[in-house]
PDB file of N, CA and C in Angstrom:
ATOM      1  N   MET A   1      -2.038 -25.678   2.551  1.00  0.00           N
ATOM      2  CA  MET A   1      -2.006 -25.841   1.109  1.00  0.00           C
ATOM      3  C   MET A   1      -0.688 -25.293   0.579  1.00  0.00           C
ATOM      4  N   THR A   2      -0.022 -26.072  -0.216  1.00  0.00           N
ATOM      5  CA  THR A   2       1.225 -25.618  -0.823  1.00  0.00           C
ATOM      6  C   THR A   2       1.156 -25.837  -2.328  1.00  0.00           C
ATOM      7  N   LEU A   3       1.801 -24.953  -3.041  1.00  0.00           N
ATOM      8  CA  LEU A   3       1.920 -25.079  -4.492  1.00  0.00           C
ATOM      9  C   LEU A   3       3.396 -25.100  -4.841  1.00  0.00           C
ATOM     10  N   GLU A   4       3.745 -25.910  -5.770  1.00  0.00           N
ATOM     11  CA  GLU A   4       5.118 -25.926  -6.245  1.00  0.00           C
ATOM     12  C   GLU A   4       5.440 -24.584  -6.892  1.00  0.00           C
ATOM     13  N   THR A   5       6.627 -24.095  -6.675  1.00  0.00           N
ATOM     14  CA  THR A   5       7.004 -22.815  -7.258  1.00  0.00           C
ATOM     15  C   THR A   5       7.720 -22.999  -8.591  1.00  0.00           C
ATOM     16  N   THR A   6       7.252 -23.965  -9.340  1.00  0.00           N
ATOM     17  CA  THR A   6       7.733 -24.107 -10.700  1.00  0.00           C
ATOM     18  C   THR A   6       7.016 -23.055 -11.546  1.00  0.00           C
ATOM     19  N   THR A   7       7.242 -23.079 -12.815  1.00  0.00           N
ATOM     20  CA  THR A   7       6.605 -22.102 -13.699  1.00  0.00           C
ATOM     21  C   THR A   7       5.084 -22.187 -13.627  1.00  0.00           C
ATOM     22  N   ILE A   8       4.543 -23.380 -13.660  1.00  0.00           N
ATOM     23  CA  ILE A   8       3.091 -23.555 -13.617  1.00  0.00           C
ATOM     24  C   ILE A   8       2.551 -23.153 -12.246  1.00  0.00           C
ATOM     25  N   GLY A   9       3.274 -23.498 -11.176  1.00  0.00           N
ATOM     26  CA  GLY A   9       2.851 -23.111  -9.828  1.00  0.00           C
ATOM     27  C   GLY A   9       2.829 -21.608  -9.651  1.00  0.00           C
ATOM     28  N   ALA A  10       3.861 -20.931 -10.152  1.00  0.00           N
ATOM     29  CA  ALA A  10       3.918 -19.467 -10.044  1.00  0.00           C
ATOM     30  C   ALA A  10       2.791 -18.835 -10.851  1.00  0.00           C
ATOM     31  N   LEU A  11       2.530 -19.359 -12.043  1.00  0.00           N
ATOM     32  CA  LEU A  11       1.432 -18.825 -12.853  1.00  0.00           C
ATOM     33  C   LEU A  11       0.084 -19.058 -12.176  1.00  0.00           C
ATOM     34  N   ALA A  12      -0.063 -20.209 -11.507  1.00  0.00           N
ATOM     35  CA  ALA A  12      -1.306 -20.485 -10.792  1.00  0.00           C
ATOM     36  C   ALA A  12      -1.498 -19.507  -9.640  1.00  0.00           C
ATOM     37  N   ILE A  13      -0.430 -19.213  -8.914  1.00  0.00           N
ATOM     38  CA  ILE A  13      -0.502 -18.252  -7.811  1.00  0.00           C
ATOM     39  C   ILE A  13      -0.888 -16.870  -8.331  1.00  0.00           C
ATOM     40  N   ILE A  14      -0.272 -16.446  -9.425  1.00  0.00           N
ATOM     41  CA  ILE A  14      -0.587 -15.138 -10.004  1.00  0.00           C
ATOM     42  C   ILE A  14      -2.031 -15.091 -10.468  1.00  0.00           C
ATOM     43  N   LEU A  15      -2.497 -16.149 -11.095  1.00  0.00           N
ATOM     44  CA  LEU A  15      -3.881 -16.197 -11.567  1.00  0.00           C
ATOM     45  C   LEU A  15      -4.869 -16.153 -10.403  1.00  0.00           C
ATOM     46  N   ILE A  16      -4.593 -16.905  -9.340  1.00  0.00           N
ATOM     47  CA  ILE A  16      -5.474 -16.904  -8.169  1.00  0.00           C
ATOM     48  C   ILE A  16      -5.504 -15.516  -7.527  1.00  0.00           C
ATOM     49  N   MET A  17      -4.341 -14.882  -7.397  1.00  0.00           N
ATOM     50  CA  MET A  17      -4.300 -13.542  -6.810  1.00  0.00           C
ATOM     51  C   MET A  17      -5.049 -12.543  -7.675  1.00  0.00           C
ATOM     52  N   ALA A  18      -4.932 -12.655  -8.982  1.00  0.00           N
ATOM     53  CA  ALA A  18      -5.660 -11.756  -9.881  1.00  0.00           C
ATOM     54  C   ALA A  18      -7.168 -11.948  -9.748  1.00  0.00           C
ATOM     55  N   LEU A  19      -7.612 -13.195  -9.651  1.00  0.00           N
ATOM     56  CA  LEU A  19      -9.042 -13.466  -9.494  1.00  0.00           C
ATOM     57  C   LEU A  19      -9.584 -12.947  -8.168  1.00  0.00           C
ATOM     58  N   VAL A  20      -8.819 -13.122  -7.106  1.00  0.00           N
ATOM     59  CA  VAL A  20      -9.250 -12.607  -5.801  1.00  0.00           C
ATOM     60  C   VAL A  20      -9.313 -11.076  -5.829  1.00  0.00           C
ATOM     61  N   THR A  21      -8.331 -10.440  -6.448  1.00  0.00           N
ATOM     62  CA  THR A  21      -8.338  -8.983  -6.559  1.00  0.00           C
ATOM     63  C   THR A  21      -9.548  -8.511  -7.346  1.00  0.00           C
ATOM     64  N   LEU A  22      -9.813  -9.138  -8.474  1.00  0.00           N
ATOM     65  CA  LEU A  22     -10.982  -8.757  -9.269  1.00  0.00           C
ATOM     66  C   LEU A  22     -12.278  -8.976  -8.500  1.00  0.00           C
ATOM     67  N   ALA A  23     -12.376 -10.087  -7.790  1.00  0.00           N
ATOM     68  CA  ALA A  23     -13.601 -10.376  -7.028  1.00  0.00           C
ATOM     69  C   ALA A  23     -13.843  -9.326  -5.949  1.00  0.00           C
ATOM     70  N   THR A  24     -12.784  -8.921  -5.243  1.00  0.00           N
ATOM     71  CA  THR A  24     -12.989  -7.919  -4.200  1.00  0.00           C
ATOM     72  C   THR A  24     -13.324  -6.556  -4.789  1.00  0.00           C
ATOM     73  N   ARG A  25     -12.694  -6.190  -5.888  1.00  0.00           N
ATOM     74  CA  ARG A  25     -13.002  -4.895  -6.504  1.00  0.00           C
ATOM     75  C   ARG A  25     -14.411  -4.873  -7.089  1.00  0.00           C
ATOM     76  N   TRP A  26     -14.750  -5.904  -7.841  1.00  0.00           N
ATOM     77  CA  TRP A  26     -16.085  -5.958  -8.429  1.00  0.00           C
ATOM     78  C   TRP A  26     -17.150  -6.143  -7.348  1.00  0.00           C
ATOM     79  N   GLY A  27     -16.822  -6.919  -6.321  1.00  0.00           N
ATOM     80  CA  GLY A  27     -17.766  -7.106  -5.221  1.00  0.00           C
ATOM     81  C   GLY A  27     -18.041  -5.813  -4.485  1.00  0.00           C
ATOM     82  N   GLY A  28     -16.999  -5.030  -4.260  1.00  0.00           N
ATOM     83  CA  GLY A  28     -17.178  -3.731  -3.613  1.00  0.00           C
ATOM     84  C   GLY A  28     -18.028  -2.792  -4.448  1.00  0.00           C
ATOM     85  N   MET A  29     -17.791  -2.790  -5.746  1.00  0.00           N
ATOM     86  CA  MET A  29     -18.603  -1.941  -6.630  1.00  0.00           C
ATOM     87  C   MET A  29     -20.050  -2.419  -6.644  1.00  0.00           C
ATOM     88  N   PHE A  30     -20.254  -3.735  -6.621  1.00  0.00           N
ATOM     89  CA  PHE A  30     -21.606  -4.290  -6.617  1.00  0.00           C
ATOM     90  C   PHE A  30     -22.348  -3.898  -5.340  1.00  0.00           C
ATOM     91  N   VAL A  31     -21.690  -4.043  -4.202  1.00  0.00           N
ATOM     92  CA  VAL A  31     -22.326  -3.690  -2.929  1.00  0.00           C
ATOM     93  C   VAL A  31     -22.618  -2.200  -2.872  1.00  0.00           C
ATOM     94  N   MET A  32     -21.661  -1.373  -3.308  1.00  0.00           N
ATOM     95  CA  MET A  32     -21.854   0.079  -3.254  1.00  0.00           C
ATOM     96  C   MET A  32     -22.920   0.563  -4.232  1.00  0.00           C
ATOM     97  N   SER A  33     -23.268  -0.249  -5.221  1.00  0.00           N
ATOM     98  CA  SER A  33     -24.326   0.164  -6.150  1.00  0.00           C
ATOM     99  C   SER A  33     -25.692   0.193  -5.467  1.00  0.00           C
ATOM    100  N   PHE A  34     -25.825  -0.483  -4.320  1.00  0.00           N
ATOM    101  CA  PHE A  34     -27.080  -0.492  -3.578  1.00  0.00           C
ATOM    102  C   PHE A  34     -27.139   0.570  -2.480  1.00  0.00           C
ATOM    103  N   ILE A  35     -26.026   1.264  -2.240  1.00  0.00           N
ATOM    104  CA  ILE A  35     -25.967   2.236  -1.152  1.00  0.00           C
ATOM    105  C   ILE A  35     -26.014   3.639  -1.746  1.00  0.00           C
ATOM    106  N   PRO A  36     -27.010   4.449  -1.330  1.00  0.00           N
ATOM    107  CA  PRO A  36     -27.044   5.822  -1.824  1.00  0.00           C
ATOM    108  C   PRO A  36     -25.867   6.620  -1.248  1.00  0.00           C
ATOM    109  N   ILE A  37     -25.219   7.400  -2.096  1.00  0.00           N
ATOM    110  CA  ILE A  37     -24.041   8.163  -1.674  1.00  0.00           C
ATOM    111  C   ILE A  37     -24.512   9.474  -1.047  1.00  0.00           C
ATOM    112  N   SER A  38     -24.712   9.440   0.250  1.00  0.00           N
ATOM    113  CA  SER A  38     -25.090  10.646   0.988  1.00  0.00           C
ATOM    114  C   SER A  38     -23.815  11.376   1.413  1.00  0.00           C
ATOM    115  N   TYR A  39     -23.986  12.503   2.055  1.00  0.00           N
ATOM    116  CA  TYR A  39     -22.831  13.272   2.526  1.00  0.00           C
ATOM    117  C   TYR A  39     -22.039  12.467   3.549  1.00  0.00           C
ATOM    118  N   ARG A  40     -22.734  11.752   4.426  1.00  0.00           N
ATOM    119  CA  ARG A  40     -22.062  10.960   5.461  1.00  0.00           C
ATOM    120  C   ARG A  40     -21.283   9.800   4.849  1.00  0.00           C
ATOM    121  N   VAL A  41     -21.854   9.124   3.868  1.00  0.00           N
ATOM    122  CA  VAL A  41     -21.159   8.027   3.191  1.00  0.00           C
ATOM    123  C   VAL A  41     -19.937   8.567   2.442  1.00  0.00           C
ATOM    124  N   GLN A  42     -20.076   9.721   1.828  1.00  0.00           N
ATOM    125  CA  GLN A  42     -18.953  10.330   1.115  1.00  0.00           C
ATOM    126  C   GLN A  42     -17.820  10.674   2.084  1.00  0.00           C
ATOM    127  N   GLN A  43     -18.144  11.181   3.264  1.00  0.00           N
ATOM    128  CA  GLN A  43     -17.124  11.473   4.273  1.00  0.00           C
ATOM    129  C   GLN A  43     -16.426  10.189   4.721  1.00  0.00           C
ATOM    130  N   PHE A  44     -17.206   9.120   4.908  1.00  0.00           N
ATOM    131  CA  PHE A  44     -16.633   7.843   5.322  1.00  0.00           C
ATOM    132  C   PHE A  44     -15.649   7.321   4.277  1.00  0.00           C
ATOM    133  N   ILE A  45     -16.043   7.381   3.014  1.00  0.00           N
ATOM    134  CA  ILE A  45     -15.169   6.898   1.938  1.00  0.00           C
ATOM    135  C   ILE A  45     -13.894   7.723   1.865  1.00  0.00           C
ATOM    136  N   SER A  46     -14.007   9.030   2.049  1.00  0.00           N
ATOM    137  CA  SER A  46     -12.830   9.900   2.017  1.00  0.00           C
ATOM    138  C   SER A  46     -11.883   9.602   3.179  1.00  0.00           C
ATOM    139  N   ALA A  47     -12.433   9.350   4.355  1.00  0.00           N
ATOM    140  CA  ALA A  47     -11.602   9.089   5.528  1.00  0.00           C
ATOM    141  C   ALA A  47     -11.001   7.692   5.496  1.00  0.00           C
ATOM    142  N   MET A  48     -11.640   6.779   4.799  1.00  0.00           N
ATOM    143  CA  MET A  48     -11.191   5.389   4.792  1.00  0.00           C
ATOM    144  C   MET A  48      -9.804   5.242   4.167  1.00  0.00           C
ATOM    145  N   SER A  49      -9.512   5.971   3.108  1.00  0.00           N
ATOM    146  CA  SER A  49      -8.207   5.812   2.470  1.00  0.00           C
ATOM    147  C   SER A  49      -7.080   6.231   3.407  1.00  0.00           C
ATOM    148  N   GLY A  50      -7.280   7.301   4.149  1.00  0.00           N
ATOM    149  CA  GLY A  50      -6.265   7.732   5.110  1.00  0.00           C
ATOM    150  C   GLY A  50      -6.086   6.736   6.241  1.00  0.00           C
ATOM    151  N   SER A  51      -7.182   6.156   6.707  1.00  0.00           N
ATOM    152  CA  SER A  51      -7.079   5.199   7.810  1.00  0.00           C
ATOM    153  C   SER A  51      -6.386   3.910   7.360  1.00  0.00           C
ATOM    154  N   VAL A  52      -6.610   3.501   6.133  1.00  0.00           N
ATOM    155  CA  VAL A  52      -5.918   2.315   5.614  1.00  0.00           C
ATOM    156  C   VAL A  52      -4.421   2.596   5.503  1.00  0.00           C
ATOM    157  N   LEU A  53      -4.072   3.787   5.041  1.00  0.00           N
ATOM    158  CA  LEU A  53      -2.661   4.158   4.933  1.00  0.00           C
ATOM    159  C   LEU A  53      -1.991   4.153   6.304  1.00  0.00           C
ATOM    160  N   VAL A  54      -2.646   4.721   7.297  1.00  0.00           N
ATOM    161  CA  VAL A  54      -2.085   4.734   8.650  1.00  0.00           C
ATOM    162  C   VAL A  54      -1.966   3.316   9.191  1.00  0.00           C
ATOM    163  N   ALA A  55      -2.951   2.472   8.935  1.00  0.00           N
ATOM    164  CA  ALA A  55      -2.907   1.091   9.414  1.00  0.00           C
ATOM    165  C   ALA A  55      -1.744   0.319   8.787  1.00  0.00           C
ATOM    166  N   LEU A  56      -1.388   0.659   7.570  1.00  0.00           N
ATOM    167  CA  LEU A  56      -0.255  -0.010   6.921  1.00  0.00           C
ATOM    168  C   LEU A  56       1.088   0.529   7.384  1.00  0.00           C
ATOM    169  N   LEU A  57       1.168   1.836   7.635  1.00  0.00           N
ATOM    170  CA  LEU A  57       2.451   2.452   7.952  1.00  0.00           C
ATOM    171  C   LEU A  57       2.793   2.472   9.436  1.00  0.00           C
ATOM    172  N   ALA A  58       1.807   2.452  10.307  1.00  0.00           N
ATOM    173  CA  ALA A  58       2.094   2.517  11.747  1.00  0.00           C
ATOM    174  C   ALA A  58       2.951   1.353  12.232  1.00  0.00           C
ATOM    175  N   PRO A  59       2.646   0.105  11.880  1.00  0.00           N
ATOM    176  CA  PRO A  59       3.527  -0.983  12.332  1.00  0.00           C
ATOM    177  C   PRO A  59       4.946  -0.860  11.778  1.00  0.00           C
ATOM    178  N   LEU A  60       5.050  -0.374  10.558  1.00  0.00           N
ATOM    179  CA  LEU A  60       6.370  -0.194   9.961  1.00  0.00           C
ATOM    180  C   LEU A  60       7.163   0.873  10.711  1.00  0.00           C
ATOM    181  N   ALA A  61       6.486   1.940  11.098  1.00  0.00           N
ATOM    182  CA  ALA A  61       7.168   3.008  11.833  1.00  0.00           C
ATOM    183  C   ALA A  61       7.564   2.558  13.235  1.00  0.00           C
ATOM    184  N   LEU A  62       6.750   1.711  13.848  1.00  0.00           N
ATOM    185  CA  LEU A  62       7.031   1.277  15.212  1.00  0.00           C
ATOM    186  C   LEU A  62       8.028   0.124  15.284  1.00  0.00           C
ATOM    187  N   GLU A  63       7.943  -0.812  14.355  1.00  0.00           N
ATOM    188  CA  GLU A  63       8.758  -2.015  14.451  1.00  0.00           C
ATOM    189  C   GLU A  63       9.742  -2.196  13.299  1.00  0.00           C
ATOM    190  N   GLY A  64       9.776  -1.244  12.378  1.00  0.00           N
ATOM    191  CA  GLY A  64      10.674  -1.355  11.237  1.00  0.00           C
ATOM    192  C   GLY A  64      12.114  -1.059  11.611  1.00  0.00           C
ATOM    193  N   ASP A  65      13.012  -1.405  10.715  1.00  0.00           N
ATOM    194  CA  ASP A  65      14.418  -1.123  10.950  1.00  0.00           C
ATOM    195  C   ASP A  65      14.721   0.344  10.637  1.00  0.00           C
ATOM    196  N   LEU A  66      15.969   0.721  10.780  1.00  0.00           N
ATOM    197  CA  LEU A  66      16.375   2.109  10.556  1.00  0.00           C
ATOM    198  C   LEU A  66      16.082   2.544   9.120  1.00  0.00           C
ATOM    199  N   GLY A  67      16.316   1.653   8.169  1.00  0.00           N
ATOM    200  CA  GLY A  67      16.047   1.984   6.775  1.00  0.00           C
ATOM    201  C   GLY A  67      14.590   2.288   6.525  1.00  0.00           C
ATOM    202  N   ALA A  68      13.707   1.514   7.120  1.00  0.00           N
ATOM    203  CA  ALA A  68      12.266   1.742   6.950  1.00  0.00           C
ATOM    204  C   ALA A  68      11.843   3.053   7.583  1.00  0.00           C
ATOM    205  N   ARG A  69      12.330   3.323   8.774  1.00  0.00           N
ATOM    206  CA  ARG A  69      11.955   4.570   9.461  1.00  0.00           C
ATOM    207  C   ARG A  69      12.466   5.801   8.729  1.00  0.00           C
ATOM    208  N   LEU A  70      13.697   5.749   8.262  1.00  0.00           N
ATOM    209  CA  LEU A  70      14.228   6.892   7.522  1.00  0.00           C
ATOM    210  C   LEU A  70      13.534   7.051   6.167  1.00  0.00           C
ATOM    211  N   ALA A  71      13.132   5.934   5.566  1.00  0.00           N
ATOM    212  CA  ALA A  71      12.388   6.004   4.313  1.00  0.00           C
ATOM    213  C   ALA A  71      11.031   6.664   4.528  1.00  0.00           C
ATOM    214  N   LEU A  72      10.341   6.316   5.608  1.00  0.00           N
ATOM    215  CA  LEU A  72       9.071   6.969   5.929  1.00  0.00           C
ATOM    216  C   LEU A  72       9.261   8.463   6.166  1.00  0.00           C
ATOM    217  N   LEU A  73      10.318   8.809   6.881  1.00  0.00           N
ATOM    218  CA  LEU A  73      10.599  10.223   7.143  1.00  0.00           C
ATOM    219  C   LEU A  73      10.900  10.968   5.846  1.00  0.00           C
ATOM    220  N   ALA A  74      11.725  10.386   4.994  1.00  0.00           N
ATOM    221  CA  ALA A  74      12.056  11.030   3.726  1.00  0.00           C
ATOM    222  C   ALA A  74      10.824  11.190   2.846  1.00  0.00           C
ATOM    223  N   THR A  75       9.991  10.174   2.810  1.00  0.00           N
ATOM    224  CA  THR A  75       8.762  10.236   2.016  1.00  0.00           C
ATOM    225  C   THR A  75       7.860  11.344   2.521  1.00  0.00           C
ATOM    226  N   ALA A  76       7.702  11.442   3.832  1.00  0.00           N
ATOM    227  CA  ALA A  76       6.842  12.482   4.407  1.00  0.00           C
ATOM    228  C   ALA A  76       7.390  13.873   4.130  1.00  0.00           C
ATOM    229  N   VAL A  77       8.689  14.053   4.287  1.00  0.00           N
ATOM    230  CA  VAL A  77       9.290  15.377   4.064  1.00  0.00           C
ATOM    231  C   VAL A  77       9.138  15.799   2.609  1.00  0.00           C
ATOM    232  N   VAL A  78       9.446  14.899   1.683  1.00  0.00           N
ATOM    233  CA  VAL A  78       9.335  15.245   0.259  1.00  0.00           C
ATOM    234  C   VAL A  78       7.872  15.493  -0.116  1.00  0.00           C
ATOM    235  N   MET A  79       6.962  14.687   0.418  1.00  0.00           N
ATOM    236  CA  MET A  79       5.543  14.877   0.102  1.00  0.00           C
ATOM    237  C   MET A  79       5.036  16.212   0.619  1.00  0.00           C
ATOM    238  N   LEU A  80       5.462  16.608   1.804  1.00  0.00           N
ATOM    239  CA  LEU A  80       5.018  17.881   2.364  1.00  0.00           C
ATOM    240  C   LEU A  80       5.620  19.077   1.637  1.00  0.00           C
ATOM    241  N   THR A  81       6.819  18.925   1.100  1.00  0.00           N
ATOM    242  CA  THR A  81       7.443  20.056   0.404  1.00  0.00           C
ATOM    243  C   THR A  81       7.051  20.130  -1.062  1.00  0.00           C
ATOM    244  N   VAL A  82       7.084  19.010  -1.756  1.00  0.00           N
ATOM    245  CA  VAL A  82       6.820  19.008  -3.196  1.00  0.00           C
ATOM    246  C   VAL A  82       5.333  18.823  -3.509  1.00  0.00           C
ATOM    247  N   LYS A  83       4.628  18.097  -2.627  1.00  0.00           N
ATOM    248  CA  LYS A  83       3.197  17.797  -2.776  1.00  0.00           C
ATOM    249  C   LYS A  83       2.882  16.963  -4.021  1.00  0.00           C
ATOM    250  N   LYS A  84       3.818  16.085  -4.361  1.00  0.00           N
ATOM    251  CA  LYS A  84       3.622  15.150  -5.473  1.00  0.00           C
ATOM    252  C   LYS A  84       4.052  13.764  -5.002  1.00  0.00           C
ATOM    253  N   PRO A  85       3.201  12.756  -5.213  1.00  0.00           N
ATOM    254  CA  PRO A  85       3.510  11.440  -4.649  1.00  0.00           C
ATOM    255  C   PRO A  85       4.683  10.714  -5.300  1.00  0.00           C
ATOM    256  N   LEU A  86       4.871  10.859  -6.594  1.00  0.00           N
ATOM    257  CA  LEU A  86       5.929  10.090  -7.257  1.00  0.00           C
ATOM    258  C   LEU A  86       7.324  10.455  -6.747  1.00  0.00           C
ATOM    259  N   PRO A  87       7.685  11.742  -6.650  1.00  0.00           N
ATOM    260  CA  PRO A  87       9.007  12.046  -6.073  1.00  0.00           C
ATOM    261  C   PRO A  87       9.130  11.606  -4.616  1.00  0.00           C
ATOM    262  N   ALA A  88       8.040  11.659  -3.866  1.00  0.00           N
ATOM    263  CA  ALA A  88       8.085  11.242  -2.461  1.00  0.00           C
ATOM    264  C   ALA A  88       8.340   9.742  -2.358  1.00  0.00           C
ATOM    265  N   ILE A  89       7.665   8.969  -3.179  1.00  0.00           N
ATOM    266  CA  ILE A  89       7.880   7.518  -3.169  1.00  0.00           C
ATOM    267  C   ILE A  89       9.302   7.194  -3.606  1.00  0.00           C
ATOM    268  N   ALA A  90       9.772   7.875  -4.633  1.00  0.00           N
ATOM    269  CA  ALA A  90      11.139   7.647  -5.110  1.00  0.00           C
ATOM    270  C   ALA A  90      12.155   7.987  -4.027  1.00  0.00           C
ATOM    271  N   ALA A  91      11.928   9.069  -3.305  1.00  0.00           N
ATOM    272  CA  ALA A  91      12.845   9.438  -2.225  1.00  0.00           C
ATOM    273  C   ALA A  91      12.848   8.383  -1.128  1.00  0.00           C
ATOM    274  N   GLY A  92      11.691   7.876  -0.776  1.00  0.00           N
ATOM    275  CA  GLY A  92      11.616   6.837   0.248  1.00  0.00           C
ATOM    276  C   GLY A  92      12.347   5.574  -0.157  1.00  0.00           C
ATOM    277  N   ILE A  93      12.150   5.166  -1.396  1.00  0.00           N
ATOM    278  CA  ILE A  93      12.836   3.963  -1.892  1.00  0.00           C
ATOM    279  C   ILE A  93      14.344   4.181  -1.913  1.00  0.00           C
ATOM    280  N   LEU A  94      14.764   5.342  -2.369  1.00  0.00           N
ATOM    281  CA  LEU A  94      16.195   5.645  -2.440  1.00  0.00           C
ATOM    282  C   LEU A  94      16.823   5.657  -1.052  1.00  0.00           C
ATOM    283  N   VAL A  95      16.170   6.300  -0.096  1.00  0.00           N
ATOM    284  CA  VAL A  95      16.713   6.362   1.263  1.00  0.00           C
ATOM    285  C   VAL A  95      16.783   4.969   1.874  1.00  0.00           C
ATOM    286  N   ALA A  96      15.734   4.164   1.704  1.00  0.00           N
ATOM    287  CA  ALA A  96      15.756   2.803   2.256  1.00  0.00           C
ATOM    288  C   ALA A  96      16.895   1.998   1.642  1.00  0.00           C
ATOM    289  N   ALA A  97      17.067   2.111   0.345  1.00  0.00           N
ATOM    290  CA  ALA A  97      18.134   1.353  -0.329  1.00  0.00           C
ATOM    291  C   ALA A  97      19.513   1.813   0.143  1.00  0.00           C
ATOM    292  N   LEU A  98      19.703   3.123   0.248  1.00  0.00           N
ATOM    293  CA  LEU A  98      21.011   3.638   0.672  1.00  0.00           C
ATOM    294  C   LEU A  98      21.333   3.248   2.106  1.00  0.00           C
ATOM    295  N   VAL A  99      20.383   3.396   2.995  1.00  0.00           N
ATOM    296  CA  VAL A  99      20.630   3.051   4.401  1.00  0.00           C
ATOM    297  C   VAL A  99      20.937   1.570   4.543  1.00  0.00           C
ATOM    298  N   ARG A 100      20.186   0.739   3.862  1.00  0.00           N
ATOM    299  CA  ARG A 100      20.407  -0.696   3.970  1.00  0.00           C
ATOM    300  C   ARG A 100      21.727  -1.114   3.310  1.00  0.00           C
ATOM    301  N   GLN A 101      22.095  -0.430   2.249  1.00  0.00           N
ATOM    302  CA  GLN A 101      23.366  -0.744   1.592  1.00  0.00           C
ATOM    303  C   GLN A 101      24.555  -0.328   2.464  1.00  0.00           C
ATOM    304  N   LEU A 102      24.439   0.852   3.070  1.00  0.00           N
ATOM    305  CA  LEU A 102      25.546   1.347   3.898  1.00  0.00           C
ATOM    306  C   LEU A 102      25.648   0.609   5.227  1.00  0.00           C
ATOM    307  N   ALA A 103      24.519   0.094   5.708  1.00  0.00           N
ATOM    308  CA  ALA A 103      24.532  -0.620   6.992  1.00  0.00           C
ATOM    309  C   ALA A 103      25.054  -2.041   6.834  1.00  0.00           C
ATOM    310  N   ALA A 104      25.024  -2.570   5.639  1.00  0.00           N
ATOM    311  CA  ALA A 104      25.440  -3.963   5.431  1.00  0.00           C
ATOM    312  C   ALA A 104      26.927  -4.137   5.405  1.00  0.00           C
TER     313      ALA A 104
END
């Protein structure tokens, strides 16, 4: 399936993505409304966010370029020292941009 990337095509893609996002979020809330939140379920939910983060970052760390790896390192160092996500994300973006600019 292909959509033209004209103005209407781009708006259609954005609308479809928004609907899919809403469906998954509302669907998850609907399903979880039937599950009692026990201690074990609460532990699972808490651990799930970390596992999703690792699943997203591990391939980048293993197969990413130098800019990506240094950005991950900078983000981790700033997060561990400052303990605030916004400066850590900003540091990662800045390092990736600088490395890629200097390497080009």
